Amino acid sequence: MKGLYCKPGDQGDVKFVLQETNVPTNLGSHQVKVQVKSCALSPVDFKLYEDLKFEKEHVPVGREIAGVVLQVGPKVTFFQPDDEVVGILPLDAEQSGLCSIVVTDEYNLVQKPEKVSWVEAAAVIKDGLRAYTALHTLARMAAGQTVLVLDGAGHRYLSVSLPSARVIRVWDSKQDLVDSCLEETGGLGVDIIIDSGVRLYEEEPEAQRHCPHKHDLLTLLSVGGHWVTTEQHLQLDPPDSHILFLKAASLSFLNDEVWTTSRAKQGRYLHILKDVMDKLCTGTFRPQLVDPVPLYEATVSMEMVQRKQARKRIAVKL
């Protein structure tokens, strides 16, 4: 049985390889054996593995899986054989999600709706968790609020229908972000901002130049507004903090991996995964997908994903 793995190293010289691996013969009390039908590909965050002290010679690739339960442990209560499931393998998983059979804890999986395809389920589960975490858990989105999502259509491979909120879309990249958003809101600013990276300084690498400056986002925040950022190295100077204070605004950091690295809110995590599948089934979440790729093309596809050259979600069909 083959799985996709990579060796940690220089981000610009990461190599992905398909290599043979074995399935654990014995199941733990709360473990399930799953036959994988589809696995979505996401970039590997080597810095996060280093921060969490997960030192591995080869890091398993492909964590968002959908498949059929083959066998359950003696104390498993959520599932039984032949159940269709979807979930996210934890960061410390030993197996790649592209293995034909994986073993994982039952607490990493939820039921897959019958109307949802294998590929869609695997492709949406992580991006749906990210959107849910940003909008609901962190920003506490409510009816009537204005939401600004930066680079939301292409970068995270997911379209979200928000009937309870007004979404500001700025299509023209040449148009000034601050002026256009203030015009849309009558000068009041935006209630919720969700970024996909920010510029901290005027001189930034080429990859960061398309991102808005942090001062622009601070200007856009409304009174009592909430800024959800993915910039883990964000630095706020005293004048920046003073702006937040004057507006009684708040700032949160979006790290969706916290759900699998900590079991403090396990029940809420599973509830979110289930709700993501329900929203996929009803059309609230709509994945941006390319055609499923076979396993033998997974290496090339993963290299594109790691370099962030894929503008749509790539999933492998097993």
Protein backbone atom coordinates (compact mmCIF):
# COMPACT_ATOMS: atom_id res chain seq x y z
CA MET A 1 0.00 0.00 0.00
CA LYS A 2 1.40 3.39 -1.04
CA GLY A 3 1.07 6.79 0.61
CA LEU A 4 2.38 10.28 -0.14
CA TYR A 5 5.13 11.63 2.11
CA CYS A 6 7.62 14.48 2.13
CA LYS A 7 10.89 15.17 3.91
CA PRO A 8 11.06 18.42 5.91
CA GLY A 9 13.65 20.86 4.64
CA ASP A 10 14.00 24.03 2.68
CA GLN A 11 10.52 25.26 1.70
CA GLY A 12 11.75 25.93 -1.83
CA ASP A 13 13.13 22.42 -2.30
CA VAL A 14 10.48 20.12 -0.85
CA LYS A 15 10.24 16.70 -2.48
CA PHE A 16 7.12 14.56 -2.34
CA VAL A 17 7.36 10.82 -2.87
CA LEU A 18 4.99 7.87 -3.00
CA GLN A 19 6.32 5.14 -0.73
CA GLU A 20 5.13 1.85 0.66
CA THR A 21 3.59 1.78 4.13
CA ASN A 22 1.84 -0.76 6.31
CA VAL A 23 -1.57 -0.67 7.97
CA PRO A 24 -1.55 -1.18 11.77
CA THR A 25 -2.78 -4.69 12.48
CA ASN A 26 -4.38 -3.95 15.86
CA LEU A 27 -7.00 -1.28 16.47
CA GLY A 28 -7.07 0.80 19.63
CA SER A 29 -10.20 0.92 21.77
CA HIS A 30 -11.53 4.05 20.05
CA GLN A 31 -9.96 3.61 16.63
CA VAL A 32 -11.60 2.86 13.29
CA LYS A 33 -10.19 1.45 10.07
CA VAL A 34 -11.30 3.43 7.02
CA GLN A 35 -11.08 2.60 3.32
CA VAL A 36 -10.24 5.97 1.76
CA LYS A 37 -12.25 6.96 -1.31
CA SER A 38 -10.90 10.50 -1.75
CA CYS A 39 -8.26 12.72 -0.17
CA ALA A 40 -7.80 16.48 -0.64
CA LEU A 41 -4.37 18.09 -0.85
CA SER A 42 -3.33 21.06 1.30
CA PRO A 43 0.07 22.76 1.77
CA VAL A 44 2.26 21.29 4.52
CA ASP A 45 3.19 23.80 7.23
CA PHE A 46 6.64 22.60 8.25
CA LYS A 47 7.06 25.49 10.69
CA LEU A 48 3.99 24.28 12.59
CA TYR A 49 5.43 20.76 12.84
CA GLU A 50 8.63 22.28 14.20
CA ASP A 51 6.77 24.45 16.72
CA LEU A 52 4.80 21.44 17.99
CA LYS A 53 7.95 19.26 18.25
CA PHE A 54 6.59 16.72 15.76
CA GLU A 55 9.95 15.53 14.48
CA LYS A 56 9.52 13.04 11.66
CA GLU A 57 11.85 11.81 8.96
CA HIS A 58 8.94 11.74 6.52
CA VAL A 59 5.80 13.83 7.03
CA PRO A 60 2.53 12.22 5.86
CA VAL A 61 0.76 14.28 3.20
CA GLY A 62 -3.00 14.47 2.66
CA ARG A 63 -5.10 14.75 5.80
CA GLU A 64 -8.64 15.52 4.60
CA ILE A 65 -10.21 12.15 3.83
CA ALA A 66 -13.57 10.63 2.97
CA GLY A 67 -14.23 6.91 2.96
CA VAL A 68 -16.02 3.84 4.31
CA VAL A 69 -15.55 2.32 7.76
CA LEU A 70 -14.20 -1.23 7.51
CA GLN A 71 -13.62 -2.09 11.17
CA VAL A 72 -14.13 -0.46 14.56
CA GLY A 73 -12.40 -0.80 17.93
CA PRO A 74 -14.14 -2.42 20.92
CA LYS A 75 -15.18 0.90 22.52
CA VAL A 76 -16.18 2.82 19.39
CA THR A 77 -19.70 4.24 19.74
CA PHE A 78 -19.99 6.75 16.86
CA PHE A 79 -19.61 4.39 13.90
CA GLN A 80 -20.07 0.87 12.67
CA PRO A 81 -18.77 -0.98 9.59
CA ASP A 82 -20.02 0.32 6.20
CA ASP A 83 -20.67 3.85 7.54
CA GLU A 84 -19.60 6.63 5.17
CA VAL A 85 -17.37 9.11 6.98
CA VAL A 86 -15.30 12.24 6.41
CA GLY A 87 -12.71 13.92 8.60
CA ILE A 88 -9.27 15.43 9.09
CA LEU A 89 -6.33 13.32 10.21
CA PRO A 90 -4.38 14.89 13.12
CA LEU A 91 -0.97 16.46 12.61
CA ASP A 92 0.73 13.59 14.45
CA ALA A 93 -0.85 10.91 12.23
CA GLU A 94 1.58 8.23 11.07
CA GLN A 95 -0.25 7.44 7.84
CA SER A 96 -0.82 9.53 4.75
CA GLY A 97 -4.43 10.19 3.80
CA LEU A 98 -3.58 8.88 0.33
CA CYS A 99 -3.13 5.37 1.68
CA SER A 100 -5.96 3.13 0.54
CA ILE A 101 -6.64 2.21 4.20
CA VAL A 102 -6.01 4.39 7.27
CA VAL A 103 -6.52 3.91 11.00
CA THR A 104 -7.57 6.89 13.12
CA ASP A 105 -9.52 7.77 16.26
CA GLU A 106 -13.29 7.97 15.92
CA TYR A 107 -13.11 11.53 17.28
CA ASN A 108 -11.51 12.72 14.03
CA LEU A 109 -14.48 11.72 11.87
CA VAL A 110 -18.13 12.55 11.26
CA GLN A 111 -20.84 10.98 9.12
CA LYS A 112 -20.86 11.90 5.42
CA PRO A 113 -24.31 12.78 4.00
CA GLU A 114 -25.47 10.40 1.28
CA LYS A 115 -26.08 13.22 -1.22
CA VAL A 116 -22.49 14.46 -0.96
CA SER A 117 -19.83 12.89 -3.20
CA TRP A 118 -16.56 11.53 -1.85
CA VAL A 119 -14.50 14.19 -3.63
CA GLU A 120 -16.67 17.10 -2.48
CA ALA A 121 -16.65 15.88 1.12
CA ALA A 122 -12.85 15.62 1.27
CA ALA A 123 -12.38 18.92 -0.57
CA VAL A 124 -14.69 20.98 1.64
CA ILE A 125 -14.09 19.67 5.16
CA LYS A 126 -10.92 21.69 5.96
CA ASP A 127 -11.89 24.90 4.15
CA GLY A 128 -15.34 24.68 5.69
CA LEU A 129 -13.77 24.33 9.13
CA ARG A 130 -11.63 27.38 8.41
CA ALA A 131 -14.59 29.48 7.25
CA TYR A 132 -16.70 28.36 10.21
CA THR A 133 -13.88 29.14 12.65
CA ALA A 134 -13.32 32.61 11.19
CA LEU A 135 -16.94 33.70 10.80
CA HIS A 136 -18.66 32.01 13.71
CA THR A 137 -16.17 31.02 16.41
CA LEU A 138 -13.90 34.09 16.19
CA ALA A 139 -15.90 36.91 14.55
CA ARG A 140 -19.31 35.95 16.01
CA MET A 141 -21.01 36.99 12.78
CA ALA A 142 -24.62 38.16 13.20
CA ALA A 143 -27.44 39.25 10.93
CA GLY A 144 -27.04 42.70 9.40
CA GLN A 145 -23.27 42.87 9.70
CA THR A 146 -20.92 43.77 6.85
CA VAL A 147 -18.16 41.28 6.05
CA LEU A 148 -15.01 41.91 4.01
CA VAL A 149 -13.26 38.71 2.91
CA LEU A 150 -9.93 39.36 1.20
CA ASP A 151 -8.93 36.98 -1.59
CA GLY A 152 -11.73 34.70 -0.45
CA ALA A 153 -12.83 33.26 -3.79
CA GLY A 154 -9.57 31.86 -5.10
CA HIS A 155 -7.15 31.35 -2.25
CA ARG A 156 -9.21 29.08 -0.03
CA TYR A 157 -11.03 27.16 -2.77
CA LEU A 158 -14.48 27.68 -1.24
CA SER A 159 -17.47 29.89 -1.96
CA VAL A 160 -19.71 30.61 1.03
CA SER A 161 -23.30 31.80 0.78
CA LEU A 162 -24.02 34.17 3.68
CA PRO A 163 -27.74 34.97 3.75
CA SER A 164 -27.45 36.60 7.19
CA ALA A 165 -24.71 39.09 6.28
CA ARG A 166 -23.92 41.67 3.65
CA VAL A 167 -20.72 40.73 1.84
CA ILE A 168 -18.62 43.50 0.31
CA ARG A 169 -16.94 42.44 -2.93
CA VAL A 170 -14.17 44.58 -4.39
CA TRP A 171 -13.54 43.19 -7.86
CA ASP A 172 -11.25 45.85 -9.35
CA SER A 173 -7.77 45.39 -7.94
CA LYS A 174 -6.83 48.89 -9.16
CA GLN A 175 -9.55 50.48 -7.08
CA ASP A 176 -8.50 51.73 -3.65
CA LEU A 177 -9.67 49.22 -1.05
CA VAL A 178 -10.29 51.75 1.71
CA ASP A 179 -12.20 54.23 -0.45
CA SER A 180 -14.41 51.60 -2.06
CA CYS A 181 -15.31 49.90 1.23
CA LEU A 182 -16.02 53.17 3.03
CA GLU A 183 -18.22 54.20 0.11
CA GLU A 184 -20.13 50.91 0.34
CA THR A 185 -20.69 51.32 4.08
CA GLY A 186 -21.52 55.02 4.09
CA GLY A 187 -18.27 55.82 5.88
CA LEU A 188 -19.10 53.58 8.85
CA GLY A 189 -16.51 50.90 8.15
CA VAL A 190 -16.71 47.12 8.09
CA ASP A 191 -17.94 44.98 10.98
CA ILE A 192 -15.82 41.92 10.15
CA ILE A 193 -12.57 41.69 8.18
CA ILE A 194 -11.03 38.33 7.29
CA ASP A 195 -7.65 38.60 5.58
CA SER A 196 -5.41 36.14 3.77
CA GLY A 197 -2.22 37.91 4.78
CA VAL A 198 -1.24 41.53 5.37
CA ARG A 199 1.70 43.79 4.58
CA LEU A 200 3.51 44.88 7.72
CA TYR A 201 5.92 47.24 6.00
CA GLU A 202 6.01 49.29 2.82
CA GLU A 203 8.80 47.14 1.38
CA GLU A 204 7.70 43.51 1.26
CA PRO A 205 8.59 40.42 -0.82
CA GLU A 206 6.77 40.04 -4.12
CA ALA A 207 4.41 37.41 -2.70
CA GLN A 208 3.15 39.86 -0.07
CA ARG A 209 2.71 42.93 -2.25
CA HIS A 210 -0.84 42.04 -3.28
CA CYS A 211 -1.91 41.98 0.38
CA PRO A 212 -3.41 45.09 2.00
CA HIS A 213 -1.36 47.06 4.51
CA LYS A 214 -2.30 46.61 8.17
CA HIS A 215 -3.06 50.34 8.45
CA ASP A 216 -5.67 50.04 5.68
CA LEU A 217 -7.49 47.30 7.58
CA LEU A 218 -7.36 49.25 10.83
CA THR A 219 -8.88 52.22 9.00
CA LEU A 220 -11.66 50.03 7.59
CA LEU A 221 -12.77 48.56 10.92
CA SER A 222 -16.06 49.90 12.23
CA VAL A 223 -16.79 50.73 15.85
CA GLY A 224 -16.92 47.41 17.69
CA GLY A 225 -15.56 45.67 14.59
CA HIS A 226 -13.56 42.45 14.52
CA TRP A 227 -10.46 41.69 12.48
CA VAL A 228 -9.60 38.02 11.91
CA THR A 229 -6.07 37.64 10.56
CA THR A 230 -4.03 34.75 9.19
CA GLU A 231 -0.77 36.72 9.58
CA GLN A 232 0.98 34.89 12.41
CA HIS A 233 3.78 37.48 12.57
CA LEU A 234 1.48 40.48 12.81
CA GLN A 235 3.02 43.34 14.81
CA LEU A 236 0.91 46.15 16.19
CA ASP A 237 2.68 49.32 17.24
CA PRO A 238 1.25 51.45 20.08
CA PRO A 239 -0.55 53.78 17.60
CA ASP A 240 -2.17 50.72 15.99
CA SER A 241 -3.38 49.45 19.36
CA HIS A 242 -4.67 52.95 20.12
CA ILE A 243 -6.84 52.83 16.98
CA LEU A 244 -8.31 49.50 18.13
CA PHE A 245 -8.94 51.01 21.55
CA LEU A 246 -10.69 54.10 20.15
CA LYS A 247 -12.97 51.89 18.04
CA ALA A 248 -13.48 49.28 20.79
CA ALA A 249 -12.49 46.83 18.06
CA SER A 250 -10.85 43.43 18.52
CA LEU A 251 -8.33 41.19 16.78
CA SER A 252 -8.21 37.39 16.49
CA PHE A 253 -5.70 35.03 14.90
CA LEU A 254 -7.10 32.36 12.60
CA ASN A 255 -5.39 29.00 13.14
CA ASP A 256 -7.79 26.18 12.31
CA GLU A 257 -5.18 23.57 13.27
CA VAL A 258 -5.84 24.37 16.92
CA TRP A 259 -8.91 22.10 16.80
CA THR A 260 -6.77 18.99 16.18
CA THR A 261 -3.79 20.00 18.33
CA SER A 262 -5.96 20.48 21.44
CA ARG A 263 -8.84 18.35 22.70
CA ALA A 264 -10.17 21.12 24.94
CA LYS A 265 -13.23 21.68 22.72
CA GLN A 266 -13.57 18.28 21.05
CA GLY A 267 -17.37 18.27 21.11
CA ARG A 268 -17.57 21.69 19.46
CA TYR A 269 -15.06 20.60 16.82
CA LEU A 270 -17.14 17.58 15.84
CA HIS A 271 -20.27 19.73 15.80
CA ILE A 272 -18.55 22.12 13.38
CA LEU A 273 -17.46 19.29 11.08
CA LYS A 274 -21.01 17.93 11.02
CA ASP A 275 -22.41 21.39 10.33
CA VAL A 276 -19.91 21.86 7.49
CA MET A 277 -21.22 18.69 5.86
CA ASP A 278 -24.82 19.83 6.35
CA LYS A 279 -24.01 23.19 4.72
CA LEU A 280 -22.30 21.42 1.83
CA CYS A 281 -25.40 19.29 1.37
CA THR A 282 -27.70 22.35 1.31
CA GLY A 283 -25.45 24.40 -1.00
CA THR A 284 -24.26 26.98 1.53
CA PHE A 285 -20.70 25.77 0.91
CA ARG A 286 -19.74 25.33 -2.75
CA PRO A 287 -16.28 23.89 -3.44
CA GLN A 288 -14.08 25.24 -6.23
CA LEU A 289 -12.71 21.99 -7.66
CA VAL A 290 -10.59 20.75 -10.52
CA ASP A 291 -11.26 17.26 -11.86
CA PRO A 292 -10.12 14.56 -9.40
CA VAL A 293 -6.59 13.31 -10.06
CA PRO A 294 -5.42 9.68 -9.83
CA LEU A 295 -2.89 8.56 -7.24
CA TYR A 296 0.02 8.41 -9.70
CA GLU A 297 -0.39 12.17 -10.36
CA ALA A 298 -0.52 13.06 -6.66
CA THR A 299 3.19 13.96 -6.45
CA VAL A 300 3.03 16.57 -9.22
CA SER A 301 -0.29 17.92 -7.94
CA MET A 302 1.06 18.25 -4.40
CA GLU A 303 4.07 20.19 -5.63
CA MET A 304 1.67 22.69 -7.24
CA VAL A 305 -0.33 22.93 -4.02
CA GLN A 306 2.79 23.44 -1.89
CA ARG A 307 3.94 26.27 -4.17
CA LYS A 308 0.42 27.73 -3.97
CA GLN A 309 0.00 27.58 -7.73
CA ALA A 310 -3.36 25.80 -7.57
CA ARG A 311 -6.27 28.24 -7.72
CA LYS A 312 -8.84 25.50 -7.15
CA ARG A 313 -8.95 22.64 -4.68
CA ILE A 314 -7.23 19.45 -5.83
CA ALA A 315 -8.47 16.09 -4.56
CA VAL A 316 -7.15 12.61 -5.28
CA LYS A 317 -9.64 9.87 -6.10
CA LEU A 318 -8.64 6.43 -4.83
